[in-house]
Amino acid sequence: MPRILFRSILGIIVLSTTLRGGQAPQPIPIDDFESGALAGWTVKVNGAGGWFVYNKGKTAPDPSKSDPNVPFDVPDPPQGKFAAVTDMNGPGSRIMYRDLKLDGRYRLQMIVFFVGVGRFSSPETLDHDTIGANQQFRIDLITTAAPVDSVAKGDVLANVFATSPTDLDRREPGAVTFDLSRWQGQTVRLRLASVDNQGPLRAGVDNIRLEPIGR
C-alpha cells in the first residue's frame, strides 16, 4: 500500500509519499477542517469579521461577527462535517495562509464556494479601505518572503482562483485544481483572501489536498 507521511515543522507542511507494490499514490490531505479549528493556518484580518470553521450553512459560526441584516446562509460543508468560511458584520479584508514544502510534483485540489451581495470588483489590492469598490475572493500562491497582502507580480507566483466582475453572486461548492509541478523542491505559500466593502462576501473552502503527479 502507499504510505503517506506528512508533518508540520514551524507551521510548514512537509510532504512525503512512499509507494509500495506499484500502487497509485493517494491524495495527501492539507486540511479538511474536520478538527473543527484552523490549526496550521495563520489568519490576518483588517476591518470586520474573519475566517471561521462552521458546520451548519444557516448558522453563523460567531453571531457577534455576522451581519444580522444579511443573515448567514451558505452551503452546508460540502465534505465531512466542517468547512472554512469568511463571515463579517462590516467591510474588511480577511486573509488565511500556510506554507507548503513540495518535495515532488503535485496537483493542488480543493472545493471552493461563495455567497456575496452586489457586483464583484477586483482592483489590484487586498485593501478594503479604498475609494472604489473592492469585492473579491482569490486564492494565490505567493513567495514566503512576500507581504501576505501583496498582489504585486513579483510576489504572486500564480493565481489559483479568483472571482470576476461578471460572476454571479453565488457559487455552489465546486472543485478547483492547479498544477504545482513548477515549484517542485520549493516552499510556497498558499493564500486565501476575501475582501468586501459593498456588502457581505462569504467565501468558503473545504477538502484541500495534494495529488502526487507521475509517481
Protein backbone atom coordinates (compact mmCIF):
# COMPACT_ATOMS: atom_id res chain seq x y z
CA MET A 1 0.00 0.00 0.00
CA PRO A 2 1.10 3.58 -0.46
CA ARG A 3 2.37 5.18 2.67
CA ILE A 4 1.81 8.89 3.03
CA LEU A 5 3.74 10.90 5.57
CA PHE A 6 3.09 14.49 6.47
CA ARG A 7 4.22 16.57 9.39
CA SER A 8 4.23 20.20 10.42
CA ILE A 9 7.50 21.94 11.20
CA LEU A 10 7.24 25.55 12.34
CA GLY A 11 3.91 25.87 10.54
CA ILE A 12 5.21 24.43 7.27
CA ILE A 13 3.55 21.34 5.83
CA VAL A 14 6.29 18.92 4.75
CA LEU A 15 5.09 16.30 2.28
CA SER A 16 6.44 12.88 1.54
CA THR A 17 4.88 9.97 -0.35
CA THR A 18 6.25 6.42 -0.28
CA LEU A 19 4.76 3.92 -2.72
CA ARG A 20 4.71 0.15 -2.36
CA GLY A 21 3.75 -2.55 -4.79
CA GLY A 22 3.36 -0.17 -7.72
CA GLN A 23 0.04 1.18 -6.50
CA ALA A 24 -1.11 4.67 -7.42
CA PRO A 25 -0.36 7.31 -4.77
CA GLN A 26 -3.24 8.66 -2.73
CA PRO A 27 -4.03 12.37 -2.29
CA ILE A 28 -2.23 13.98 0.63
CA PRO A 29 -4.53 15.96 2.94
CA ILE A 30 -3.62 19.55 3.71
CA ASP A 31 -6.82 20.37 5.61
CA ASP A 32 -10.41 19.14 5.56
CA PHE A 33 -11.21 21.20 8.68
CA GLU A 34 -12.63 18.13 10.44
CA SER A 35 -10.62 19.14 13.51
CA GLY A 36 -13.14 21.94 13.93
CA ALA A 37 -10.35 24.52 14.04
CA LEU A 38 -8.00 26.45 11.76
CA ALA A 39 -4.94 24.68 13.13
CA GLY A 40 -1.85 25.20 10.98
CA TRP A 41 -3.20 28.36 9.36
CA THR A 42 -2.30 31.98 10.03
CA VAL A 43 -5.15 34.47 9.76
CA LYS A 44 -4.75 38.21 9.17
CA VAL A 45 -7.79 40.49 9.31
CA ASN A 46 -8.13 44.20 8.58
CA GLY A 47 -11.60 45.53 9.32
CA ALA A 48 -14.51 43.37 10.43
CA GLY A 49 -15.04 39.62 10.50
CA GLY A 50 -12.60 36.79 9.92
CA TRP A 51 -12.12 33.19 8.83
CA PHE A 52 -14.06 30.55 10.76
CA VAL A 53 -14.78 26.83 10.80
CA TYR A 54 -18.51 26.11 10.55
CA ASN A 55 -20.80 23.09 10.37
CA LYS A 56 -24.27 24.43 9.50
CA GLY A 57 -24.95 26.56 6.45
CA LYS A 58 -27.61 28.68 8.09
CA THR A 59 -25.89 29.13 11.46
CA ALA A 60 -23.20 31.80 11.79
CA PRO A 61 -20.05 30.40 13.42
CA ASP A 62 -19.75 33.56 15.55
CA PRO A 63 -23.02 35.55 15.61
CA SER A 64 -21.26 38.55 17.16
CA LYS A 65 -19.22 38.90 13.95
CA SER A 66 -22.02 38.24 11.46
CA ASP A 67 -24.21 40.83 9.72
CA PRO A 68 -27.77 40.43 11.08
CA ASN A 69 -29.17 42.40 8.14
CA VAL A 70 -27.79 39.84 5.67
CA PRO A 71 -28.20 36.55 7.57
CA PHE A 72 -25.53 33.88 7.26
CA ASP A 73 -26.73 31.49 4.54
CA VAL A 74 -24.07 29.42 2.77
CA PRO A 75 -23.95 25.82 1.54
CA ASP A 76 -23.52 23.18 4.21
CA PRO A 77 -19.95 21.85 4.39
CA PRO A 78 -19.50 20.02 1.08
CA GLN A 79 -17.24 17.32 2.55
CA GLY A 80 -17.46 15.92 6.06
CA LYS A 81 -18.91 17.89 8.96
CA PHE A 82 -16.83 21.08 8.78
CA ALA A 83 -15.50 23.62 6.27
CA ALA A 84 -13.84 27.05 6.46
CA VAL A 85 -15.67 30.26 5.60
CA THR A 86 -15.43 34.02 5.99
CA ASP A 87 -18.09 35.93 7.87
CA MET A 88 -18.38 39.57 8.83
CA ASN A 89 -20.51 42.38 10.19
CA GLY A 90 -18.81 45.13 8.20
CA PRO A 91 -16.25 45.81 5.47
CA GLY A 92 -12.91 44.07 5.74
CA SER A 93 -10.01 42.12 4.31
CA ARG A 94 -9.59 38.55 5.57
CA ILE A 95 -6.51 36.51 4.69
CA MET A 96 -5.74 32.91 5.65
CA TYR A 97 -2.46 31.28 4.65
CA ARG A 98 0.01 28.46 5.26
CA ASP A 99 3.29 27.28 3.74
CA LEU A 100 3.75 24.12 1.69
CA LYS A 101 7.14 22.49 1.20
CA LEU A 102 6.85 20.50 -2.01
CA ASP A 103 9.18 17.50 -2.22
CA GLY A 104 7.83 16.39 -5.59
CA ARG A 105 5.27 17.12 -8.29
CA TYR A 106 1.76 17.74 -7.02
CA ARG A 107 -1.64 18.92 -8.16
CA LEU A 108 -3.46 21.16 -5.68
CA GLN A 109 -7.13 20.27 -5.24
CA MET A 110 -9.87 21.90 -3.16
CA ILE A 111 -13.57 22.68 -3.03
CA VAL A 112 -14.49 26.38 -3.32
CA PHE A 113 -17.77 28.26 -2.90
CA PHE A 114 -19.01 31.76 -2.13
CA VAL A 115 -22.16 33.77 -1.44
CA GLY A 116 -21.99 37.53 -2.00
CA VAL A 117 -24.07 40.68 -2.15
CA GLY A 118 -23.74 43.01 -5.11
CA ARG A 119 -21.32 43.02 -8.03
CA PHE A 120 -17.78 41.74 -7.80
CA SER A 121 -14.86 44.11 -8.30
CA SER A 122 -11.20 43.12 -8.43
CA PRO A 123 -8.81 46.06 -8.12
CA GLU A 124 -5.13 45.23 -7.70
CA THR A 125 -5.24 45.46 -3.92
CA LEU A 126 -6.50 43.48 -0.94
CA ASP A 127 -7.23 46.67 0.99
CA HIS A 128 -10.94 47.10 1.69
CA ASP A 129 -10.50 50.75 2.70
CA THR A 130 -10.30 52.18 -0.80
CA ILE A 131 -12.19 54.90 -2.65
CA GLY A 132 -13.79 52.46 -5.08
CA ALA A 133 -15.42 49.07 -4.77
CA ASN A 134 -13.36 46.07 -3.71
CA GLN A 135 -15.40 42.89 -3.65
CA GLN A 136 -13.34 39.81 -4.42
CA PHE A 137 -12.26 36.33 -3.37
CA ARG A 138 -8.95 35.00 -4.61
CA ILE A 139 -6.59 32.12 -3.92
CA ASP A 140 -2.91 32.57 -4.75
CA LEU A 141 0.49 31.01 -4.43
CA ILE A 142 2.89 33.67 -3.19
CA THR A 143 6.52 33.66 -2.16
CA THR A 144 7.24 33.10 1.52
CA ALA A 145 9.13 36.41 1.62
CA ALA A 146 6.23 38.47 0.27
CA PRO A 147 3.91 40.56 2.44
CA VAL A 148 0.83 38.37 2.91
CA ASP A 149 -1.44 41.05 1.44
CA SER A 150 0.68 41.74 -1.65
CA VAL A 151 -0.68 41.28 -5.17
CA ALA A 152 2.50 42.51 -6.87
CA LYS A 153 3.63 40.42 -9.83
CA GLY A 154 6.97 39.70 -8.19
CA ASP A 155 5.26 38.33 -5.08
CA VAL A 156 2.41 36.32 -6.61
CA LEU A 157 3.71 33.11 -8.17
CA ALA A 158 0.33 32.11 -9.56
CA ASN A 159 -3.36 32.79 -9.18
CA VAL A 160 -5.25 29.59 -8.40
CA PHE A 161 -8.76 31.04 -8.28
CA ALA A 162 -10.37 34.48 -8.49
CA THR A 163 -13.83 35.97 -8.74
CA SER A 164 -14.64 38.10 -11.77
CA PRO A 165 -16.89 41.16 -12.16
CA THR A 166 -19.12 39.04 -14.43
CA ASP A 167 -19.63 36.26 -11.86
CA LEU A 168 -22.99 35.60 -10.27
CA ASP A 169 -23.14 36.41 -6.57
CA ARG A 170 -23.35 32.74 -5.58
CA ARG A 171 -21.13 29.78 -6.45
CA GLU A 172 -22.16 26.35 -5.26
CA PRO A 173 -19.33 24.11 -4.00
CA GLY A 174 -17.13 23.07 -6.90
CA ALA A 175 -13.69 21.63 -7.50
CA VAL A 176 -10.65 23.81 -8.16
CA THR A 177 -7.38 22.21 -9.29
CA PHE A 178 -3.95 23.64 -10.03
CA ASP A 179 -0.67 22.02 -11.13
CA LEU A 180 2.18 22.79 -8.69
CA SER A 181 4.88 20.90 -10.62
CA ARG A 182 6.73 24.10 -11.46
CA TRP A 183 7.60 24.59 -7.77
CA GLN A 184 8.90 21.10 -7.08
CA GLY A 185 11.56 21.24 -4.36
CA GLN A 186 10.45 24.67 -3.15
CA THR A 187 8.37 26.07 -0.31
CA VAL A 188 5.40 28.15 -1.42
CA ARG A 189 2.70 29.99 0.48
CA LEU A 190 -0.96 29.18 -0.14
CA ARG A 191 -3.07 32.30 0.48
CA LEU A 192 -6.85 32.64 0.55
CA ALA A 193 -8.12 36.23 0.60
CA SER A 194 -11.65 37.62 0.79
CA VAL A 195 -12.25 41.37 0.57
CA ASP A 196 -15.55 43.27 0.70
CA ASN A 197 -16.67 46.86 1.04
CA GLN A 198 -20.01 46.64 -0.78
CA GLY A 199 -21.76 44.10 1.42
CA PRO A 200 -21.02 40.67 2.91
CA LEU A 201 -18.98 38.25 0.80
CA ARG A 202 -18.89 34.87 2.47
CA ALA A 203 -16.20 32.76 0.83
CA GLY A 204 -15.55 29.14 1.70
CA VAL A 205 -13.16 26.27 1.10
CA ASP A 206 -13.01 22.60 2.02
CA ASN A 207 -11.02 19.42 1.48
CA ILE A 208 -7.69 20.98 0.49
CA ARG A 209 -5.29 18.26 -0.65
CA LEU A 210 -2.38 17.45 -2.93
CA GLU A 211 -2.42 14.75 -5.57
CA PRO A 212 1.02 13.36 -6.47
CA ILE A 213 1.76 13.50 -10.21
CA GLY A 214 3.69 10.84 -12.08
CA ARG A 215 4.75 8.72 -9.12
